[in-house]
Amino acid sequence: MAVVIRMSRLGAKRKPHHKIVVTEQHTPRDGRFIEQIGYYDPSKKPALVELKEDRAAYWLSVGAKPTATVKSIFKSKKISLEAKKGGK
């Protein structure tokens, strides 16, 4: 089971916002997820990003792979993408 950190789309047509979720790689984009670790709303100026940094670090430490977009959000929030061993 490969675990990824990606964004799940919410909102109306032309008014998107996203949940940042941890999910299995082969589930649908807006399907079932393991845990919601954040929220992203690009329609606000500046874009609104809420993130549970401790949970993001945990999931990275146990091997979850972020998508390119989530990786850029992590870099802007200064979350290390290095996998720290231990998991807790």
PDB file of N, CA and C in Angstrom:
ATOM      1  N   MET A   1       0.853  -1.180   0.000  1.00  0.00           N
ATOM      2  CA  MET A   1       0.000   0.000   0.000  1.00  0.00           C
ATOM      3  C   MET A   1       0.892   1.234   0.000  1.00  0.00           C
ATOM      4  N   ALA A   2       0.855   2.004  -1.086  1.00  0.00           N
ATOM      5  CA  ALA A   2       1.603   3.250  -1.175  1.00  0.00           C
ATOM      6  C   ALA A   2       0.715   4.391  -0.688  1.00  0.00           C
ATOM      7  N   VAL A   3       1.252   5.181   0.231  1.00  0.00           N
ATOM      8  CA  VAL A   3       0.490   6.283   0.812  1.00  0.00           C
ATOM      9  C   VAL A   3       1.022   7.592   0.243  1.00  0.00           C
ATOM     10  N   VAL A   4       0.105   8.472  -0.159  1.00  0.00           N
ATOM     11  CA  VAL A   4       0.480   9.774  -0.716  1.00  0.00           C
ATOM     12  C   VAL A   4      -0.238  10.893   0.043  1.00  0.00           C
ATOM     13  N   ILE A   5       0.354  12.079  -0.020  1.00  0.00           N
ATOM     14  CA  ILE A   5      -0.274  13.278   0.526  1.00  0.00           C
ATOM     15  C   ILE A   5      -0.658  14.124  -0.680  1.00  0.00           C
ATOM     16  N   ARG A   6      -1.967  14.370  -0.845  1.00  0.00           N
ATOM     17  CA  ARG A   6      -2.421  15.118  -2.015  1.00  0.00           C
ATOM     18  C   ARG A   6      -3.622  15.976  -1.659  1.00  0.00           C
ATOM     19  N   MET A   7      -4.126  16.701  -2.655  1.00  0.00           N
ATOM     20  CA  MET A   7      -5.234  17.606  -2.433  1.00  0.00           C
ATOM     21  C   MET A   7      -6.522  17.012  -2.987  1.00  0.00           C
ATOM     22  N   SER A   8      -7.606  17.203  -2.241  1.00  0.00           N
ATOM     23  CA  SER A   8      -8.931  16.760  -2.632  1.00  0.00           C
ATOM     24  C   SER A   8      -9.769  18.005  -2.871  1.00  0.00           C
ATOM     25  N   ARG A   9     -10.418  18.098  -4.023  1.00  0.00           N
ATOM     26  CA  ARG A   9     -11.123  19.321  -4.403  1.00  0.00           C
ATOM     27  C   ARG A   9     -12.505  19.407  -3.765  1.00  0.00           C
ATOM     28  N   LEU A  10     -12.827  20.609  -3.317  1.00  0.00           N
ATOM     29  CA  LEU A  10     -14.143  20.940  -2.785  1.00  0.00           C
ATOM     30  C   LEU A  10     -14.601  22.224  -3.461  1.00  0.00           C
ATOM     31  N   GLY A  11     -15.823  22.644  -3.164  1.00  0.00           N
ATOM     32  CA  GLY A  11     -16.299  23.939  -3.652  1.00  0.00           C
ATOM     33  C   GLY A  11     -17.117  23.831  -4.913  1.00  0.00           C
ATOM     34  N   ALA A  12     -17.625  24.977  -5.332  1.00  0.00           N
ATOM     35  CA  ALA A  12     -18.470  25.052  -6.509  1.00  0.00           C
ATOM     36  C   ALA A  12     -17.639  25.274  -7.769  1.00  0.00           C
ATOM     37  N   LYS A  13     -18.320  25.275  -8.899  1.00  0.00           N
ATOM     38  CA  LYS A  13     -17.662  25.540 -10.163  1.00  0.00           C
ATOM     39  C   LYS A  13     -17.017  26.929 -10.120  1.00  0.00           C
ATOM     40  N   ARG A  14     -15.757  27.010 -10.488  1.00  0.00           N
ATOM     41  CA  ARG A  14     -14.964  28.247 -10.520  1.00  0.00           C
ATOM     42  C   ARG A  14     -14.701  28.852  -9.143  1.00  0.00           C
ATOM     43  N   LYS A  15     -15.017  28.137  -8.078  1.00  0.00           N
ATOM     44  CA  LYS A  15     -14.734  28.597  -6.711  1.00  0.00           C
ATOM     45  C   LYS A  15     -14.145  27.433  -5.906  1.00  0.00           C
ATOM     46  N   PRO A  16     -12.966  26.950  -6.336  1.00  0.00           N
ATOM     47  CA  PRO A  16     -12.428  25.757  -5.679  1.00  0.00           C
ATOM     48  C   PRO A  16     -11.757  26.069  -4.349  1.00  0.00           C
ATOM     49  N   HIS A  17     -11.774  25.105  -3.467  1.00  0.00           N
ATOM     50  CA  HIS A  17     -10.888  25.047  -2.324  1.00  0.00           C
ATOM     51  C   HIS A  17     -10.584  23.569  -2.105  1.00  0.00           C
ATOM     52  N   HIS A  18      -9.528  23.306  -1.365  1.00  0.00           N
ATOM     53  CA  HIS A  18      -9.014  21.947  -1.300  1.00  0.00           C
ATOM     54  C   HIS A  18      -8.735  21.519   0.126  1.00  0.00           C
ATOM     55  N   LYS A  19      -8.903  20.219   0.393  1.00  0.00           N
ATOM     56  CA  LYS A  19      -8.430  19.597   1.617  1.00  0.00           C
ATOM     57  C   LYS A  19      -7.090  18.950   1.276  1.00  0.00           C
ATOM     58  N   ILE A  20      -6.137  19.049   2.179  1.00  0.00           N
ATOM     59  CA  ILE A  20      -4.883  18.318   2.021  1.00  0.00           C
ATOM     60  C   ILE A  20      -5.048  17.038   2.818  1.00  0.00           C
ATOM     61  N   VAL A  21      -4.999  15.901   2.126  1.00  0.00           N
ATOM     62  CA  VAL A  21      -5.325  14.618   2.748  1.00  0.00           C
ATOM     63  C   VAL A  21      -4.208  13.600   2.541  1.00  0.00           C
ATOM     64  N   VAL A  22      -4.185  12.620   3.431  1.00  0.00           N
ATOM     65  CA  VAL A  22      -3.316  11.457   3.308  1.00  0.00           C
ATOM     66  C   VAL A  22      -4.210  10.315   2.855  1.00  0.00           C
ATOM     67  N   THR A  23      -3.828   9.669   1.756  1.00  0.00           N
ATOM     68  CA  THR A  23      -4.665   8.629   1.183  1.00  0.00           C
ATOM     69  C   THR A  23      -3.818   7.572   0.500  1.00  0.00           C
ATOM     70  N   GLU A  24      -4.442   6.464   0.166  1.00  0.00           N
ATOM     71  CA  GLU A  24      -3.754   5.447  -0.625  1.00  0.00           C
ATOM     72  C   GLU A  24      -3.637   5.944  -2.060  1.00  0.00           C
ATOM     73  N   GLN A  25      -2.610   5.503  -2.730  1.00  0.00           N
ATOM     74  CA  GLN A  25      -2.285   6.018  -4.059  1.00  0.00           C
ATOM     75  C   GLN A  25      -3.376   5.775  -5.093  1.00  0.00           C
ATOM     76  N   HIS A  26      -4.086   4.670  -5.019  1.00  0.00           N
ATOM     77  CA  HIS A  26      -5.020   4.306  -6.083  1.00  0.00           C
ATOM     78  C   HIS A  26      -6.470   4.699  -5.815  1.00  0.00           C
ATOM     79  N   THR A  27      -6.732   5.447  -4.753  1.00  0.00           N
ATOM     80  CA  THR A  27      -8.104   5.893  -4.499  1.00  0.00           C
ATOM     81  C   THR A  27      -8.422   7.102  -5.376  1.00  0.00           C
ATOM     82  N   PRO A  28      -9.680   7.355  -5.670  1.00  0.00           N
ATOM     83  CA  PRO A  28     -10.046   8.512  -6.478  1.00  0.00           C
ATOM     84  C   PRO A  28      -9.670   9.825  -5.796  1.00  0.00           C
ATOM     85  N   ARG A  29      -9.540  10.881  -6.579  1.00  0.00           N
ATOM     86  CA  ARG A  29      -9.122  12.190  -6.065  1.00  0.00           C
ATOM     87  C   ARG A  29      -9.997  12.664  -4.912  1.00  0.00           C
ATOM     88  N   ASP A  30     -11.300  12.548  -5.052  1.00  0.00           N
ATOM     89  CA  ASP A  30     -12.217  13.023  -4.025  1.00  0.00           C
ATOM     90  C   ASP A  30     -12.802  11.876  -3.207  1.00  0.00           C
ATOM     91  N   GLY A  31     -12.129  10.746  -3.222  1.00  0.00           N
ATOM     92  CA  GLY A  31     -12.646   9.570  -2.543  1.00  0.00           C
ATOM     93  C   GLY A  31     -12.223   9.492  -1.087  1.00  0.00           C
ATOM     94  N   ARG A  32     -12.247   8.274  -0.580  1.00  0.00           N
ATOM     95  CA  ARG A  32     -11.927   7.982   0.812  1.00  0.00           C
ATOM     96  C   ARG A  32     -10.480   8.382   1.120  1.00  0.00           C
ATOM     97  N   PHE A  33     -10.232   8.865   2.341  1.00  0.00           N
ATOM     98  CA  PHE A  33      -8.879   9.220   2.740  1.00  0.00           C
ATOM     99  C   PHE A  33      -8.615   8.719   4.156  1.00  0.00           C
ATOM    100  N   ILE A  34      -7.345   8.662   4.513  1.00  0.00           N
ATOM    101  CA  ILE A  34      -6.942   8.180   5.828  1.00  0.00           C
ATOM    102  C   ILE A  34      -7.072   9.294   6.857  1.00  0.00           C
ATOM    103  N   GLU A  35      -6.533  10.489   6.523  1.00  0.00           N
ATOM    104  CA  GLU A  35      -6.553  11.603   7.472  1.00  0.00           C
ATOM    105  C   GLU A  35      -6.488  12.926   6.709  1.00  0.00           C
ATOM    106  N   GLN A  36      -7.225  13.912   7.196  1.00  0.00           N
ATOM    107  CA  GLN A  36      -7.144  15.262   6.643  1.00  0.00           C
ATOM    108  C   GLN A  36      -6.133  16.029   7.484  1.00  0.00           C
ATOM    109  N   ILE A  37      -5.089  16.572   6.823  1.00  0.00           N
ATOM    110  CA  ILE A  37      -4.052  17.272   7.578  1.00  0.00           C
ATOM    111  C   ILE A  37      -4.002  18.762   7.276  1.00  0.00           C
ATOM    112  N   GLY A  38      -4.866  19.237   6.370  1.00  0.00           N
ATOM    113  CA  GLY A  38      -4.823  20.660   6.085  1.00  0.00           C
ATOM    114  C   GLY A  38      -5.923  21.114   5.159  1.00  0.00           C
ATOM    115  N   TYR A  39      -5.854  22.420   4.843  1.00  0.00           N
ATOM    116  CA  TYR A  39      -6.865  23.085   4.024  1.00  0.00           C
ATOM    117  C   TYR A  39      -6.169  24.142   3.185  1.00  0.00           C
ATOM    118  N   TYR A  40      -6.589  24.317   1.922  1.00  0.00           N
ATOM    119  CA  TYR A  40      -5.989  25.292   1.020  1.00  0.00           C
ATOM    120  C   TYR A  40      -7.099  25.990   0.247  1.00  0.00           C
ATOM    121  N   ASP A  41      -7.130  27.321   0.317  1.00  0.00           N
ATOM    122  CA  ASP A  41      -8.128  28.114  -0.407  1.00  0.00           C
ATOM    123  C   ASP A  41      -7.411  29.153  -1.255  1.00  0.00           C
ATOM    124  N   PRO A  42      -7.265  28.900  -2.574  1.00  0.00           N
ATOM    125  CA  PRO A  42      -6.534  29.826  -3.433  1.00  0.00           C
ATOM    126  C   PRO A  42      -7.310  31.090  -3.787  1.00  0.00           C
ATOM    127  N   SER A  43      -8.606  31.143  -3.495  1.00  0.00           N
ATOM    128  CA  SER A  43      -9.403  32.314  -3.885  1.00  0.00           C
ATOM    129  C   SER A  43      -9.173  33.502  -2.956  1.00  0.00           C
ATOM    130  N   LYS A  44      -8.640  33.260  -1.765  1.00  0.00           N
ATOM    131  CA  LYS A  44      -8.320  34.353  -0.844  1.00  0.00           C
ATOM    132  C   LYS A  44      -7.029  35.020  -1.292  1.00  0.00           C
ATOM    133  N   LYS A  45      -6.877  36.271  -0.976  1.00  0.00           N
ATOM    134  CA  LYS A  45      -5.652  37.001  -1.301  1.00  0.00           C
ATOM    135  C   LYS A  45      -5.017  37.481  -0.019  1.00  0.00           C
ATOM    136  N   PRO A  46      -3.877  36.991   0.411  1.00  0.00           N
ATOM    137  CA  PRO A  46      -3.123  35.860  -0.134  1.00  0.00           C
ATOM    138  C   PRO A  46      -3.828  34.533   0.145  1.00  0.00           C
ATOM    139  N   ALA A  47      -3.386  33.508  -0.559  1.00  0.00           N
ATOM    140  CA  ALA A  47      -4.031  32.191  -0.441  1.00  0.00           C
ATOM    141  C   ALA A  47      -3.988  31.701   1.003  1.00  0.00           C
ATOM    142  N   LEU A  48      -5.100  31.148   1.466  1.00  0.00           N
ATOM    143  CA  LEU A  48      -5.227  30.646   2.829  1.00  0.00           C
ATOM    144  C   LEU A  48      -4.723  29.208   2.894  1.00  0.00           C
ATOM    145  N   VAL A  49      -3.751  28.963   3.763  1.00  0.00           N
ATOM    146  CA  VAL A  49      -3.212  27.620   3.949  1.00  0.00           C
ATOM    147  C   VAL A  49      -3.204  27.322   5.443  1.00  0.00           C
ATOM    148  N   GLU A  50      -3.943  26.298   5.838  1.00  0.00           N
ATOM    149  CA  GLU A  50      -3.922  25.803   7.210  1.00  0.00           C
ATOM    150  C   GLU A  50      -3.393  24.383   7.148  1.00  0.00           C
ATOM    151  N   LEU A  51      -2.434  24.077   8.023  1.00  0.00           N
ATOM    152  CA  LEU A  51      -1.781  22.785   7.952  1.00  0.00           C
ATOM    153  C   LEU A  51      -1.415  22.297   9.347  1.00  0.00           C
ATOM    154  N   LYS A  52      -1.699  21.029   9.616  1.00  0.00           N
ATOM    155  CA  LYS A  52      -1.259  20.400  10.864  1.00  0.00           C
ATOM    156  C   LYS A  52       0.173  19.921  10.629  1.00  0.00           C
ATOM    157  N   GLU A  53       1.129  20.761  11.000  1.00  0.00           N
ATOM    158  CA  GLU A  53       2.526  20.498  10.672  1.00  0.00           C
ATOM    159  C   GLU A  53       3.066  19.246  11.349  1.00  0.00           C
ATOM    160  N   ASP A  54       2.616  18.965  12.562  1.00  0.00           N
ATOM    161  CA  ASP A  54       3.092  17.773  13.249  1.00  0.00           C
ATOM    162  C   ASP A  54       2.608  16.501  12.559  1.00  0.00           C
ATOM    163  N   ARG A  55       1.378  16.504  12.082  1.00  0.00           N
ATOM    164  CA  ARG A  55       0.845  15.327  11.375  1.00  0.00           C
ATOM    165  C   ARG A  55       1.501  15.174   9.999  1.00  0.00           C
ATOM    166  N   ALA A  56       1.789  16.289   9.340  1.00  0.00           N
ATOM    167  CA  ALA A  56       2.489  16.216   8.050  1.00  0.00           C
ATOM    168  C   ALA A  56       3.881  15.612   8.248  1.00  0.00           C
ATOM    169  N   ALA A  57       4.586  16.045   9.283  1.00  0.00           N
ATOM    170  CA  ALA A  57       5.913  15.502   9.570  1.00  0.00           C
ATOM    171  C   ALA A  57       5.827  14.009   9.900  1.00  0.00           C
ATOM    172  N   TYR A  58       4.793  13.614  10.632  1.00  0.00           N
ATOM    173  CA  TYR A  58       4.616  12.197  10.952  1.00  0.00           C
ATOM    174  C   TYR A  58       4.445  11.373   9.683  1.00  0.00           C
ATOM    175  N   TRP A  59       3.542  11.795   8.806  1.00  0.00           N
ATOM    176  CA  TRP A  59       3.276  11.012   7.605  1.00  0.00           C
ATOM    177  C   TRP A  59       4.489  10.968   6.682  1.00  0.00           C
ATOM    178  N   LEU A  60       5.264  12.057   6.630  1.00  0.00           N
ATOM    179  CA  LEU A  60       6.499  12.029   5.846  1.00  0.00           C
ATOM    180  C   LEU A  60       7.492  11.049   6.460  1.00  0.00           C
ATOM    181  N   SER A  61       7.519  10.965   7.787  1.00  0.00           N
ATOM    182  CA  SER A  61       8.474  10.076   8.453  1.00  0.00           C
ATOM    183  C   SER A  61       8.147   8.606   8.243  1.00  0.00           C
ATOM    184  N   VAL A  62       6.880   8.283   8.025  1.00  0.00           N
ATOM    185  CA  VAL A  62       6.522   6.873   7.804  1.00  0.00           C
ATOM    186  C   VAL A  62       6.470   6.522   6.319  1.00  0.00           C
ATOM    187  N   GLY A  63       6.860   7.452   5.451  1.00  0.00           N
ATOM    188  CA  GLY A  63       7.035   7.111   4.045  1.00  0.00           C
ATOM    189  C   GLY A  63       6.008   7.646   3.074  1.00  0.00           C
ATOM    190  N   ALA A  64       5.096   8.509   3.483  1.00  0.00           N
ATOM    191  CA  ALA A  64       4.114   9.069   2.553  1.00  0.00           C
ATOM    192  C   ALA A  64       4.812  10.019   1.594  1.00  0.00           C
ATOM    193  N   LYS A  65       4.436   9.973   0.333  1.00  0.00           N
ATOM    194  CA  LYS A  65       5.035  10.810  -0.701  1.00  0.00           C
ATOM    195  C   LYS A  65       4.089  11.955  -1.056  1.00  0.00           C
ATOM    196  N   PRO A  66       4.517  13.220  -0.926  1.00  0.00           N
ATOM    197  CA  PRO A  66       3.645  14.335  -1.316  1.00  0.00           C
ATOM    198  C   PRO A  66       3.669  14.551  -2.833  1.00  0.00           C
ATOM    199  N   THR A  67       2.556  15.047  -3.371  1.00  0.00           N
ATOM    200  CA  THR A  67       2.520  15.417  -4.775  1.00  0.00           C
ATOM    201  C   THR A  67       3.307  16.709  -4.963  1.00  0.00           C
ATOM    202  N   ALA A  68       3.521  17.118  -6.198  1.00  0.00           N
ATOM    203  CA  ALA A  68       4.314  18.316  -6.479  1.00  0.00           C
ATOM    204  C   ALA A  68       3.678  19.569  -5.867  1.00  0.00           C
ATOM    205  N   THR A  69       2.368  19.691  -5.953  1.00  0.00           N
ATOM    206  CA  THR A  69       1.682  20.860  -5.404  1.00  0.00           C
ATOM    207  C   THR A  69       1.775  20.890  -3.885  1.00  0.00           C
ATOM    208  N   VAL A  70       1.563  19.760  -3.255  1.00  0.00           N
ATOM    209  CA  VAL A  70       1.648  19.680  -1.796  1.00  0.00           C
ATOM    210  C   VAL A  70       3.088  19.924  -1.350  1.00  0.00           C
ATOM    211  N   LYS A  71       4.048  19.442  -2.120  1.00  0.00           N
ATOM    212  CA  LYS A  71       5.452  19.668  -1.796  1.00  0.00           C
ATOM    213  C   LYS A  71       5.776  21.164  -1.792  1.00  0.00           C
ATOM    214  N   SER A  72       5.219  21.922  -2.743  1.00  0.00           N
ATOM    215  CA  SER A  72       5.464  23.368  -2.772  1.00  0.00           C
ATOM    216  C   SER A  72       4.794  24.071  -1.590  1.00  0.00           C
ATOM    217  N   ILE A  73       3.639  23.578  -1.151  1.00  0.00           N
ATOM    218  CA  ILE A  73       2.990  24.135   0.040  1.00  0.00           C
ATOM    219  C   ILE A  73       3.848  23.854   1.269  1.00  0.00           C
ATOM    220  N   PHE A  74       4.404  22.646   1.364  1.00  0.00           N
ATOM    221  CA  PHE A  74       5.272  22.305   2.489  1.00  0.00           C
ATOM    222  C   PHE A  74       6.502  23.208   2.507  1.00  0.00           C
ATOM    223  N   LYS A  75       7.072  23.477   1.344  1.00  0.00           N
ATOM    224  CA  LYS A  75       8.245  24.343   1.285  1.00  0.00           C
ATOM    225  C   LYS A  75       7.901  25.760   1.724  1.00  0.00           C
ATOM    226  N   SER A  76       6.724  26.262   1.341  1.00  0.00           N
ATOM    227  CA  SER A  76       6.336  27.608   1.750  1.00  0.00           C
ATOM    228  C   SER A  76       6.077  27.691   3.247  1.00  0.00           C
ATOM    229  N   LYS A  77       5.642  26.583   3.863  1.00  0.00           N
ATOM    230  CA  LYS A  77       5.420  26.509   5.313  1.00  0.00           C
ATOM    231  C   LYS A  77       6.678  26.067   6.058  1.00  0.00           C
ATOM    232  N   LYS A  78       7.773  25.843   5.300  1.00  0.00           N
ATOM    233  CA  LYS A  78       9.066  25.437   5.858  1.00  0.00           C
ATOM    234  C   LYS A  78       8.999  24.109   6.621  1.00  0.00           C
ATOM    235  N   ILE A  79       8.288  23.154   6.044  1.00  0.00           N
ATOM    236  CA  ILE A  79       8.244  21.798   6.596  1.00  0.00           C
ATOM    237  C   ILE A  79       9.304  20.985   5.873  1.00  0.00           C
ATOM    238  N   SER A  80      10.164  20.351   6.639  1.00  0.00           N
ATOM    239  CA  SER A  80      11.242  19.566   6.067  1.00  0.00           C
ATOM    240  C   SER A  80      10.670  18.357   5.330  1.00  0.00           C
ATOM    241  N   LEU A  81      11.144  18.149   4.112  1.00  0.00           N
ATOM    242  CA  LEU A  81      10.683  17.000   3.337  1.00  0.00           C
ATOM    243  C   LEU A  81      11.565  15.780   3.583  1.00  0.00           C
ATOM    244  N   GLU A  82      12.577  15.945   4.425  1.00  0.00           N
ATOM    245  CA  GLU A  82      13.441  14.821   4.771  1.00  0.00           C
ATOM    246  C   GLU A  82      12.670  13.879   5.681  1.00  0.00           C
ATOM    247  N   ALA A  83      12.734  12.627   5.406  1.00  0.00           N
ATOM    248  CA  ALA A  83      12.019  11.633   6.214  1.00  0.00           C
ATOM    249  C   ALA A  83      12.815  11.360   7.482  1.00  0.00           C
ATOM    250  N   LYS A  84      12.284  11.769   8.624  1.00  0.00           N
ATOM    251  CA  LYS A  84      12.910  11.479   9.914  1.00  0.00           C
ATOM    252  C   LYS A  84      12.413  10.122  10.373  1.00  0.00           C
ATOM    253  N   LYS A  85      13.330   9.271  10.728  1.00  0.00           N
ATOM    254  CA  LYS A  85      12.944   7.928  11.156  1.00  0.00           C
ATOM    255  C   LYS A  85      12.405   7.959  12.580  1.00  0.00           C
ATOM    256  N   GLY A  86      11.596   7.025  12.904  1.00  0.00           N
ATOM    257  CA  GLY A  86      11.033   6.930  14.246  1.00  0.00           C
ATOM    258  C   GLY A  86       9.529   7.007  14.215  1.00  0.00           C
ATOM    259  N   GLY A  87       8.961   7.892  13.412  1.00  0.00           N
ATOM    260  CA  GLY A  87       7.529   7.948  13.227  1.00  0.00           C
ATOM    261  C   GLY A  87       6.730   8.619  14.325  1.00  0.00           C
ATOM    262  N   LYS A  88       7.350   9.006  15.421  1.00  0.00           N
ATOM    263  CA  LYS A  88       6.568   9.631  16.490  1.00  0.00           C
ATOM    264  C   LYS A  88       7.134  10.938  16.888  1.00  0.00           C
TER     265      LYS A  88
END
